[in-house]
Amino acid sequence: MAAVGFIYLAEGLSPEKQHGVIRSTNIEMKIYGVDSYEKACEVAKKIVGEGVESILLCAGFGYRGTTMIKEAVPGIPVASAKFDYHPGIGGSGDSVFQ
């Protein structure tokens, strides 16, 4: 079974509280909510250590945030839903979470 990760970003989220696992016949998706790029880097390292093979980031991650995750887990494919707009903050995460 392939293990993938999804990290979403908004103020007030905690990966200890906002997390879950969705399983299908061939994929296990670990989902975590975080409130900062730094916390996202910590979660990315943790889930890669647990066997996650790729990570998708919500659109709230700007270019800088996506780069930070890529640098935190070298060799792991990292992608982001990219329109560089987060409806909860009205713009890019780069403008809020730097």
PDB file of N, CA and C in Angstrom:
ATOM      1  N   MET A   1       0.846  -1.177   0.000  1.00  0.00           N
ATOM      2  CA  MET A   1       0.000   0.000   0.000  1.00  0.00           C
ATOM      3  C   MET A   1       0.893   1.242   0.000  1.00  0.00           C
ATOM      4  N   ALA A   2       0.611   2.182  -0.890  1.00  0.00           N
ATOM      5  CA  ALA A   2       1.368   3.426  -0.957  1.00  0.00           C
ATOM      6  C   ALA A   2       0.910   4.361   0.157  1.00  0.00           C
ATOM      7  N   ALA A   3       1.864   5.039   0.765  1.00  0.00           N
ATOM      8  CA  ALA A   3       1.551   6.013   1.809  1.00  0.00           C
ATOM      9  C   ALA A   3       1.847   7.409   1.280  1.00  0.00           C
ATOM     10  N   VAL A   4       0.854   8.296   1.359  1.00  0.00           N
ATOM     11  CA  VAL A   4       1.007   9.670   0.914  1.00  0.00           C
ATOM     12  C   VAL A   4       0.579  10.604   2.037  1.00  0.00           C
ATOM     13  N   GLY A   5       1.047  11.829   1.974  1.00  0.00           N
ATOM     14  CA  GLY A   5       0.697  12.813   2.986  1.00  0.00           C
ATOM     15  C   GLY A   5       0.019  14.020   2.377  1.00  0.00           C
ATOM     16  N   PHE A   6      -0.848  14.640   3.145  1.00  0.00           N
ATOM     17  CA  PHE A   6      -1.476  15.907   2.763  1.00  0.00           C
ATOM     18  C   PHE A   6      -1.391  16.823   3.967  1.00  0.00           C
ATOM     19  N   ILE A   7      -0.836  18.007   3.765  1.00  0.00           N
ATOM     20  CA  ILE A   7      -0.707  18.986   4.846  1.00  0.00           C
ATOM     21  C   ILE A   7      -1.478  20.232   4.449  1.00  0.00           C
ATOM     22  N   TYR A   8      -2.396  20.654   5.322  1.00  0.00           N
ATOM     23  CA  TYR A   8      -3.140  21.879   5.056  1.00  0.00           C
ATOM     24  C   TYR A   8      -2.802  22.910   6.123  1.00  0.00           C
ATOM     25  N   LEU A   9      -3.035  24.173   5.796  1.00  0.00           N
ATOM     26  CA  LEU A   9      -2.480  25.286   6.557  1.00  0.00           C
ATOM     27  C   LEU A   9      -3.549  26.321   6.864  1.00  0.00           C
ATOM     28  N   ALA A  10      -3.689  26.682   8.131  1.00  0.00           N
ATOM     29  CA  ALA A  10      -4.562  27.777   8.548  1.00  0.00           C
ATOM     30  C   ALA A  10      -4.226  28.132   9.992  1.00  0.00           C
ATOM     31  N   GLU A  11      -4.519  29.351  10.359  1.00  0.00           N
ATOM     32  CA  GLU A  11      -4.265  29.772  11.727  1.00  0.00           C
ATOM     33  C   GLU A  11      -5.080  28.911  12.699  1.00  0.00           C
ATOM     34  N   GLY A  12      -4.484  28.611  13.847  1.00  0.00           N
ATOM     35  CA  GLY A  12      -5.176  27.895  14.902  1.00  0.00           C
ATOM     36  C   GLY A  12      -5.184  26.381  14.771  1.00  0.00           C
ATOM     37  N   LEU A  13      -4.564  25.836  13.734  1.00  0.00           N
ATOM     38  CA  LEU A  13      -4.525  24.384  13.576  1.00  0.00           C
ATOM     39  C   LEU A  13      -3.358  23.789  14.344  1.00  0.00           C
ATOM     40  N   SER A  14      -3.543  22.577  14.819  1.00  0.00           N
ATOM     41  CA  SER A  14      -2.502  21.855  15.529  1.00  0.00           C
ATOM     42  C   SER A  14      -2.461  20.427  14.996  1.00  0.00           C
ATOM     43  N   PRO A  15      -1.307  19.946  14.566  1.00  0.00           N
ATOM     44  CA  PRO A  15      -1.248  18.581  14.046  1.00  0.00           C
ATOM     45  C   PRO A  15      -1.598  17.526  15.092  1.00  0.00           C
ATOM     46  N   GLU A  16      -1.492  17.881  16.365  1.00  0.00           N
ATOM     47  CA  GLU A  16      -1.886  16.947  17.416  1.00  0.00           C
ATOM     48  C   GLU A  16      -3.410  16.792  17.463  1.00  0.00           C
ATOM     49  N   LYS A  17      -4.143  17.834  17.060  1.00  0.00           N
ATOM     50  CA  LYS A  17      -5.606  17.807  17.087  1.00  0.00           C
ATOM     51  C   LYS A  17      -6.207  17.566  15.704  1.00  0.00           C
ATOM     52  N   GLN A  18      -5.676  18.218  14.684  1.00  0.00           N
ATOM     53  CA  GLN A  18      -6.218  18.103  13.339  1.00  0.00           C
ATOM     54  C   GLN A  18      -5.363  17.138  12.519  1.00  0.00           C
ATOM     55  N   HIS A  19      -5.743  15.885  12.555  1.00  0.00           N
ATOM     56  CA  HIS A  19      -5.043  14.871  11.770  1.00  0.00           C
ATOM     57  C   HIS A  19      -5.981  13.683  11.548  1.00  0.00           C
ATOM     58  N   GLY A  20      -5.631  12.907  10.565  1.00  0.00           N
ATOM     59  CA  GLY A  20      -6.434  11.725  10.285  1.00  0.00           C
ATOM     60  C   GLY A  20      -5.773  10.872   9.223  1.00  0.00           C
ATOM     61  N   VAL A  21      -6.349   9.720   9.003  1.00  0.00           N
ATOM     62  CA  VAL A  21      -5.854   8.795   7.990  1.00  0.00           C
ATOM     63  C   VAL A  21      -7.047   8.320   7.176  1.00  0.00           C
ATOM     64  N   ILE A  22      -6.908   8.378   5.865  1.00  0.00           N
ATOM     65  CA  ILE A  22      -7.923   7.839   4.959  1.00  0.00           C
ATOM     66  C   ILE A  22      -7.269   6.696   4.197  1.00  0.00           C
ATOM     67  N   ARG A  23      -7.899   5.538   4.247  1.00  0.00           N
ATOM     68  CA  ARG A  23      -7.354   4.356   3.570  1.00  0.00           C
ATOM     69  C   ARG A  23      -8.285   3.920   2.447  1.00  0.00           C
ATOM     70  N   SER A  24      -7.679   3.532   1.347  1.00  0.00           N
ATOM     71  CA  SER A  24      -8.419   2.894   0.263  1.00  0.00           C
ATOM     72  C   SER A  24      -7.741   1.555   0.003  1.00  0.00           C
ATOM     73  N   THR A  25      -8.073   0.917  -1.070  1.00  0.00           N
ATOM     74  CA  THR A  25      -7.497  -0.402  -1.329  1.00  0.00           C
ATOM     75  C   THR A  25      -6.005  -0.351  -1.599  1.00  0.00           C
ATOM     76  N   ASN A  26      -5.503   0.780  -2.110  1.00  0.00           N
ATOM     77  CA  ASN A  26      -4.073   0.826  -2.434  1.00  0.00           C
ATOM     78  C   ASN A  26      -3.344   2.077  -1.938  1.00  0.00           C
ATOM     79  N   ILE A  27      -4.042   2.965  -1.226  1.00  0.00           N
ATOM     80  CA  ILE A  27      -3.399   4.192  -0.740  1.00  0.00           C
ATOM     81  C   ILE A  27      -3.813   4.448   0.708  1.00  0.00           C
ATOM     82  N   GLU A  28      -2.841   4.872   1.502  1.00  0.00           N
ATOM     83  CA  GLU A  28      -3.100   5.382   2.847  1.00  0.00           C
ATOM     84  C   GLU A  28      -2.681   6.844   2.846  1.00  0.00           C
ATOM     85  N   MET A  29      -3.628   7.757   3.088  1.00  0.00           N
ATOM     86  CA  MET A  29      -3.317   9.185   3.100  1.00  0.00           C
ATOM     87  C   MET A  29      -3.352   9.698   4.529  1.00  0.00           C
ATOM     88  N   LYS A  30      -2.213  10.229   4.965  1.00  0.00           N
ATOM     89  CA  LYS A  30      -2.117  10.847   6.284  1.00  0.00           C
ATOM     90  C   LYS A  30      -2.324  12.351   6.100  1.00  0.00           C
ATOM     91  N   ILE A  31      -3.268  12.904   6.835  1.00  0.00           N
ATOM     92  CA  ILE A  31      -3.655  14.302   6.690  1.00  0.00           C
ATOM     93  C   ILE A  31      -3.365  15.037   8.002  1.00  0.00           C
ATOM     94  N   TYR A  32      -2.724  16.184   7.878  1.00  0.00           N
ATOM     95  CA  TYR A  32      -2.390  16.992   9.057  1.00  0.00           C
ATOM     96  C   TYR A  32      -2.676  18.466   8.795  1.00  0.00           C
ATOM     97  N   GLY A  33      -3.243  19.137   9.786  1.00  0.00           N
ATOM     98  CA  GLY A  33      -3.417  20.576   9.755  1.00  0.00           C
ATOM     99  C   GLY A  33      -2.343  21.242  10.597  1.00  0.00           C
ATOM    100  N   VAL A  34      -1.784  22.337  10.086  1.00  0.00           N
ATOM    101  CA  VAL A  34      -0.724  23.063  10.788  1.00  0.00           C
ATOM    102  C   VAL A  34      -0.996  24.562  10.718  1.00  0.00           C
ATOM    103  N   ASP A  35      -0.328  25.321  11.601  1.00  0.00           N
ATOM    104  CA  ASP A  35      -0.528  26.766  11.627  1.00  0.00           C
ATOM    105  C   ASP A  35       0.705  27.558  11.210  1.00  0.00           C
ATOM    106  N   SER A  36       1.737  26.877  10.726  1.00  0.00           N
ATOM    107  CA  SER A  36       2.939  27.594  10.282  1.00  0.00           C
ATOM    108  C   SER A  36       3.745  26.726   9.331  1.00  0.00           C
ATOM    109  N   TYR A  37       4.581  27.364   8.563  1.00  0.00           N
ATOM    110  CA  TYR A  37       5.489  26.634   7.680  1.00  0.00           C
ATOM    111  C   TYR A  37       6.454  25.778   8.504  1.00  0.00           C
ATOM    112  N   GLU A  38       6.912  26.305   9.612  1.00  0.00           N
ATOM    113  CA  GLU A  38       7.854  25.562  10.448  1.00  0.00           C
ATOM    114  C   GLU A  38       7.222  24.268  10.974  1.00  0.00           C
ATOM    115  N   LYS A  39       5.970  24.364  11.430  1.00  0.00           N
ATOM    116  CA  LYS A  39       5.275  23.168  11.924  1.00  0.00           C
ATOM    117  C   LYS A  39       5.050  22.187  10.771  1.00  0.00           C
ATOM    118  N   ALA A  40       4.799  22.712   9.582  1.00  0.00           N
ATOM    119  CA  ALA A  40       4.623  21.839   8.415  1.00  0.00           C
ATOM    120  C   ALA A  40       5.907  21.071   8.117  1.00  0.00           C
ATOM    121  N   CYS A  41       7.047  21.721   8.269  1.00  0.00           N
ATOM    122  CA  CYS A  41       8.328  21.034   8.063  1.00  0.00           C
ATOM    123  C   CYS A  41       8.497  19.902   9.076  1.00  0.00           C
ATOM    124  N   GLU A  42       8.140  20.152  10.324  1.00  0.00           N
ATOM    125  CA  GLU A  42       8.226  19.112  11.356  1.00  0.00           C
ATOM    126  C   GLU A  42       7.326  17.930  11.013  1.00  0.00           C
ATOM    127  N   VAL A  43       6.090  18.218  10.594  1.00  0.00           N
ATOM    128  CA  VAL A  43       5.146  17.155  10.242  1.00  0.00           C
ATOM    129  C   VAL A  43       5.654  16.384   9.029  1.00  0.00           C
ATOM    130  N   ALA A  44       6.178  17.093   8.038  1.00  0.00           N
ATOM    131  CA  ALA A  44       6.695  16.421   6.838  1.00  0.00           C
ATOM    132  C   ALA A  44       7.793  15.430   7.208  1.00  0.00           C
ATOM    133  N   LYS A  45       8.720  15.850   8.049  1.00  0.00           N
ATOM    134  CA  LYS A  45       9.796  14.945   8.478  1.00  0.00           C
ATOM    135  C   LYS A  45       9.232  13.742   9.228  1.00  0.00           C
ATOM    136  N   LYS A  46       8.264  13.996  10.092  1.00  0.00           N
ATOM    137  CA  LYS A  46       7.656  12.922  10.890  1.00  0.00           C
ATOM    138  C   LYS A  46       6.995  11.882   9.995  1.00  0.00           C
ATOM    139  N   ILE A  47       6.163  12.338   9.046  1.00  0.00           N
ATOM    140  CA  ILE A  47       5.410  11.376   8.244  1.00  0.00           C
ATOM    141  C   ILE A  47       6.297  10.653   7.233  1.00  0.00           C
ATOM    142  N   VAL A  48       7.346  11.317   6.773  1.00  0.00           N
ATOM    143  CA  VAL A  48       8.305  10.611   5.907  1.00  0.00           C
ATOM    144  C   VAL A  48       8.991   9.511   6.715  1.00  0.00           C
ATOM    145  N   GLY A  49       9.303   9.799   7.973  1.00  0.00           N
ATOM    146  CA  GLY A  49       9.879   8.784   8.848  1.00  0.00           C
ATOM    147  C   GLY A  49       8.945   7.607   9.090  1.00  0.00           C
ATOM    148  N   GLU A  50       7.651   7.844   8.918  1.00  0.00           N
ATOM    149  CA  GLU A  50       6.642   6.788   9.084  1.00  0.00           C
ATOM    150  C   GLU A  50       6.328   6.075   7.763  1.00  0.00           C
ATOM    151  N   GLY A  51       7.041   6.442   6.697  1.00  0.00           N
ATOM    152  CA  GLY A  51       6.858   5.739   5.434  1.00  0.00           C
ATOM    153  C   GLY A  51       6.131   6.481   4.330  1.00  0.00           C
ATOM    154  N   VAL A  52       5.725   7.731   4.561  1.00  0.00           N
ATOM    155  CA  VAL A  52       5.076   8.500   3.500  1.00  0.00           C
ATOM    156  C   VAL A  52       6.058   8.693   2.346  1.00  0.00           C
ATOM    157  N   GLU A  53       5.567   8.461   1.133  1.00  0.00           N
ATOM    158  CA  GLU A  53       6.415   8.477  -0.059  1.00  0.00           C
ATOM    159  C   GLU A  53       6.295   9.751  -0.883  1.00  0.00           C
ATOM    160  N   SER A  54       5.242  10.527  -0.662  1.00  0.00           N
ATOM    161  CA  SER A  54       5.065  11.799  -1.356  1.00  0.00           C
ATOM    162  C   SER A  54       4.146  12.670  -0.515  1.00  0.00           C
ATOM    163  N   ILE A  55       4.241  13.989  -0.726  1.00  0.00           N
ATOM    164  CA  ILE A  55       3.459  14.931   0.075  1.00  0.00           C
ATOM    165  C   ILE A  55       2.792  15.944  -0.850  1.00  0.00           C
ATOM    166  N   LEU A  56       1.499  16.168  -0.599  1.00  0.00           N
ATOM    167  CA  LEU A  56       0.759  17.226  -1.275  1.00  0.00           C
ATOM    168  C   LEU A  56       0.447  18.302  -0.248  1.00  0.00           C
ATOM    169  N   LEU A  57       0.609  19.546  -0.642  1.00  0.00           N
ATOM    170  CA  LEU A  57       0.344  20.695   0.229  1.00  0.00           C
ATOM    171  C   LEU A  57      -0.881  21.441  -0.280  1.00  0.00           C
ATOM    172  N   CYS A  58      -1.652  22.022   0.632  1.00  0.00           N
ATOM    173  CA  CYS A  58      -2.821  22.805   0.230  1.00  0.00           C
ATOM    174  C   CYS A  58      -2.362  24.085  -0.477  1.00  0.00           C
ATOM    175  N   ALA A  59      -3.304  24.742  -1.112  1.00  0.00           N
ATOM    176  CA  ALA A  59      -2.993  25.935  -1.899  1.00  0.00           C
ATOM    177  C   ALA A  59      -2.505  27.103  -1.041  1.00  0.00           C
ATOM    178  N   GLY A  60      -2.690  27.028   0.264  1.00  0.00           N
ATOM    179  CA  GLY A  60      -2.200  28.095   1.135  1.00  0.00           C
ATOM    180  C   GLY A  60      -0.689  28.195   1.187  1.00  0.00           C
ATOM    181  N   PHE A  61       0.004  27.131   0.811  1.00  0.00           N
ATOM    182  CA  PHE A  61       1.460  27.166   0.786  1.00  0.00           C
ATOM    183  C   PHE A  61       1.913  27.948  -0.437  1.00  0.00           C
ATOM    184  N   GLY A  62       2.560  29.055  -0.181  1.00  0.00           N
ATOM    185  CA  GLY A  62       3.134  29.817  -1.289  1.00  0.00           C
ATOM    186  C   GLY A  62       4.385  29.129  -1.797  1.00  0.00           C
ATOM    187  N   TYR A  63       5.065  29.803  -2.684  1.00  0.00           N
ATOM    188  CA  TYR A  63       6.277  29.231  -3.273  1.00  0.00           C
ATOM    189  C   TYR A  63       7.354  29.017  -2.214  1.00  0.00           C
ATOM    190  N   ARG A  64       7.485  29.966  -1.290  1.00  0.00           N
ATOM    191  CA  ARG A  64       8.479  29.830  -0.224  1.00  0.00           C
ATOM    192  C   ARG A  64       8.152  28.651   0.687  1.00  0.00           C
ATOM    193  N   GLY A  65       6.889  28.526   1.075  1.00  0.00           N
ATOM    194  CA  GLY A  65       6.488  27.431   1.950  1.00  0.00           C
ATOM    195  C   GLY A  65       6.698  26.070   1.310  1.00  0.00           C
ATOM    196  N   THR A  66       6.373  25.966   0.028  1.00  0.00           N
ATOM    197  CA  THR A  66       6.584  24.713  -0.691  1.00  0.00           C
ATOM    198  C   THR A  66       8.063  24.369  -0.740  1.00  0.00           C
ATOM    199  N   THR A  67       8.889  25.372  -0.992  1.00  0.00           N
ATOM    200  CA  THR A  67      10.342  25.155  -1.028  1.00  0.00           C
ATOM    201  C   THR A  67      10.851  24.699   0.333  1.00  0.00           C
ATOM    202  N   MET A  68      10.341  25.278   1.402  1.00  0.00           N
ATOM    203  CA  MET A  68      10.773  24.872   2.745  1.00  0.00           C
ATOM    204  C   MET A  68      10.482  23.392   2.992  1.00  0.00           C
ATOM    205  N   ILE A  69       9.306  22.921   2.565  1.00  0.00           N
ATOM    206  CA  ILE A  69       8.962  21.516   2.758  1.00  0.00           C
ATOM    207  C   ILE A  69       9.875  20.642   1.914  1.00  0.00           C
ATOM    208  N   LYS A  70      10.110  21.040   0.673  1.00  0.00           N
ATOM    209  CA  LYS A  70      11.004  20.261  -0.203  1.00  0.00           C
ATOM    210  C   LYS A  70      12.394  20.140   0.417  1.00  0.00           C
ATOM    211  N   GLU A  71      12.880  21.210   1.012  1.00  0.00           N
ATOM    212  CA  GLU A  71      14.200  21.180   1.640  1.00  0.00           C
ATOM    213  C   GLU A  71      14.195  20.341   2.923  1.00  0.00           C
ATOM    214  N   ALA A  72      13.066  20.275   3.605  1.00  0.00           N
ATOM    215  CA  ALA A  72      12.972  19.507   4.856  1.00  0.00           C
ATOM    216  C   ALA A  72      12.990  18.004   4.604  1.00  0.00           C
ATOM    217  N   VAL A  73      12.514  17.578   3.431  1.00  0.00           N
ATOM    218  CA  VAL A  73      12.434  16.140   3.121  1.00  0.00           C
ATOM    219  C   VAL A  73      13.057  15.877   1.744  1.00  0.00           C
ATOM    220  N   PRO A  74      14.373  16.050   1.626  1.00  0.00           N
ATOM    221  CA  PRO A  74      15.016  15.874   0.323  1.00  0.00           C
ATOM    222  C   PRO A  74      14.769  14.473  -0.242  1.00  0.00           C
ATOM    223  N   GLY A  75      14.548  14.432  -1.541  1.00  0.00           N
ATOM    224  CA  GLY A  75      14.335  13.165  -2.217  1.00  0.00           C
ATOM    225  C   GLY A  75      12.889  12.699  -2.227  1.00  0.00           C
ATOM    226  N   ILE A  76      12.013  13.376  -1.484  1.00  0.00           N
ATOM    227  CA  ILE A  76      10.593  13.019  -1.441  1.00  0.00           C
ATOM    228  C   ILE A  76       9.844  13.962  -2.387  1.00  0.00           C
ATOM    229  N   PRO A  77       9.013  13.423  -3.285  1.00  0.00           N
ATOM    230  CA  PRO A  77       8.215  14.304  -4.139  1.00  0.00           C
ATOM    231  C   PRO A  77       7.257  15.157  -3.309  1.00  0.00           C
ATOM    232  N   VAL A  78       7.295  16.466  -3.536  1.00  0.00           N
ATOM    233  CA  VAL A  78       6.410  17.407  -2.845  1.00  0.00           C
ATOM    234  C   VAL A  78       5.724  18.253  -3.911  1.00  0.00           C
ATOM    235  N   ALA A  79       4.418  18.344  -3.831  1.00  0.00           N
ATOM    236  CA  ALA A  79       3.645  19.158  -4.772  1.00  0.00           C
ATOM    237  C   ALA A  79       2.661  19.998  -3.975  1.00  0.00           C
ATOM    238  N   SER A  80       2.176  21.048  -4.596  1.00  0.00           N
ATOM    239  CA  SER A  80       1.157  21.845  -3.928  1.00  0.00           C
ATOM    240  C   SER A  80       0.032  22.156  -4.900  1.00  0.00           C
ATOM    241  N   ALA A  81      -1.166  22.185  -4.354  1.00  0.00           N
ATOM    242  CA  ALA A  81      -2.311  22.648  -5.130  1.00  0.00           C
ATOM    243  C   ALA A  81      -2.034  24.118  -5.373  1.00  0.00           C
ATOM    244  N   LYS A  82      -1.831  24.513  -6.605  1.00  0.00           N
ATOM    245  CA  LYS A  82      -1.245  25.818  -6.831  1.00  0.00           C
ATOM    246  C   LYS A  82      -2.151  26.772  -7.560  1.00  0.00           C
ATOM    247  N   PHE A  83      -2.750  27.638  -6.833  1.00  0.00           N
ATOM    248  CA  PHE A  83      -3.249  28.887  -7.361  1.00  0.00           C
ATOM    249  C   PHE A  83      -2.789  29.991  -6.437  1.00  0.00           C
ATOM    250  N   ASP A  84      -1.901  29.638  -5.501  1.00  0.00           N
ATOM    251  CA  ASP A  84      -1.267  30.564  -4.566  1.00  0.00           C
ATOM    252  C   ASP A  84      -2.278  31.493  -3.904  1.00  0.00           C
ATOM    253  N   TYR A  85      -3.399  30.892  -3.537  1.00  0.00           N
ATOM    254  CA  TYR A  85      -4.450  31.641  -2.875  1.00  0.00           C
ATOM    255  C   TYR A  85      -5.095  30.741  -1.835  1.00  0.00           C
ATOM    256  N   HIS A  86      -5.279  31.270  -0.661  1.00  0.00           N
ATOM    257  CA  HIS A  86      -5.939  30.526   0.414  1.00  0.00           C
ATOM    258  C   HIS A  86      -7.207  31.288   0.768  1.00  0.00           C
ATOM    259  N   PRO A  87      -8.367  30.665   0.612  1.00  0.00           N
ATOM    260  CA  PRO A  87      -9.607  31.394   0.862  1.00  0.00           C
ATOM    261  C   PRO A  87      -9.768  31.877   2.301  1.00  0.00           C
ATOM    262  N   GLY A  88      -9.143  31.200   3.235  1.00  0.00           N
ATOM    263  CA  GLY A  88      -9.263  31.599   4.633  1.00  0.00           C
ATOM    264  C   GLY A  88      -8.440  32.820   4.998  1.00  0.00           C
ATOM    265  N   ILE A  89      -7.422  33.124   4.194  1.00  0.00           N
ATOM    266  CA  ILE A  89      -6.573  34.282   4.504  1.00  0.00           C
ATOM    267  C   ILE A  89      -6.569  35.321   3.394  1.00  0.00           C
ATOM    268  N   GLY A  90      -7.235  35.005   2.294  1.00  0.00           N
ATOM    269  CA  GLY A  90      -7.368  35.993   1.223  1.00  0.00           C
ATOM    270  C   GLY A  90      -6.127  36.204   0.383  1.00  0.00           C
ATOM    271  N   GLY A  91      -5.222  35.257   0.384  1.00  0.00           N
ATOM    272  CA  GLY A  91      -4.007  35.399  -0.426  1.00  0.00           C
ATOM    273  C   GLY A  91      -3.082  34.234  -0.217  1.00  0.00           C
ATOM    274  N   SER A  92      -1.831  34.440  -0.554  1.00  0.00           N
ATOM    275  CA  SER A  92      -0.800  33.419  -0.419  1.00  0.00           C
ATOM    276  C   SER A  92      -0.379  33.260   1.035  1.00  0.00           C
ATOM    277  N   GLY A  93      -0.065  32.034   1.403  1.00  0.00           N
ATOM    278  CA  GLY A  93       0.501  31.794   2.729  1.00  0.00           C
ATOM    279  C   GLY A  93       1.817  32.534   2.921  1.00  0.00           C
ATOM    280  N   ASP A  94       2.533  32.801   1.830  1.00  0.00           N
ATOM    281  CA  ASP A  94       3.796  33.531   1.943  1.00  0.00           C
ATOM    282  C   ASP A  94       3.582  34.903   2.595  1.00  0.00           C
ATOM    283  N   SER A  95       2.420  35.507   2.377  1.00  0.00           N
ATOM    284  CA  SER A  95       2.179  36.836   2.937  1.00  0.00           C
ATOM    285  C   SER A  95       1.853  36.789   4.424  1.00  0.00           C
ATOM    286  N   VAL A  96       1.495  35.619   4.945  1.00  0.00           N
ATOM    287  CA  VAL A  96       1.093  35.503   6.347  1.00  0.00           C
ATOM    288  C   VAL A  96       2.072  34.687   7.170  1.00  0.00           C
ATOM    289  N   PHE A  97       2.580  33.594   6.619  1.00  0.00           N
ATOM    290  CA  PHE A  97       3.314  32.611   7.417  1.00  0.00           C
ATOM    291  C   PHE A  97       4.824  32.703   7.279  1.00  0.00           C
ATOM    292  N   GLN A  98       5.349  33.778   6.713  1.00  0.00           N
ATOM    293  CA  GLN A  98       6.807  33.882   6.550  1.00  0.00           C
ATOM    294  C   GLN A  98       7.485  34.102   7.861  1.00  0.00           C
TER     295      GLN A  98
END
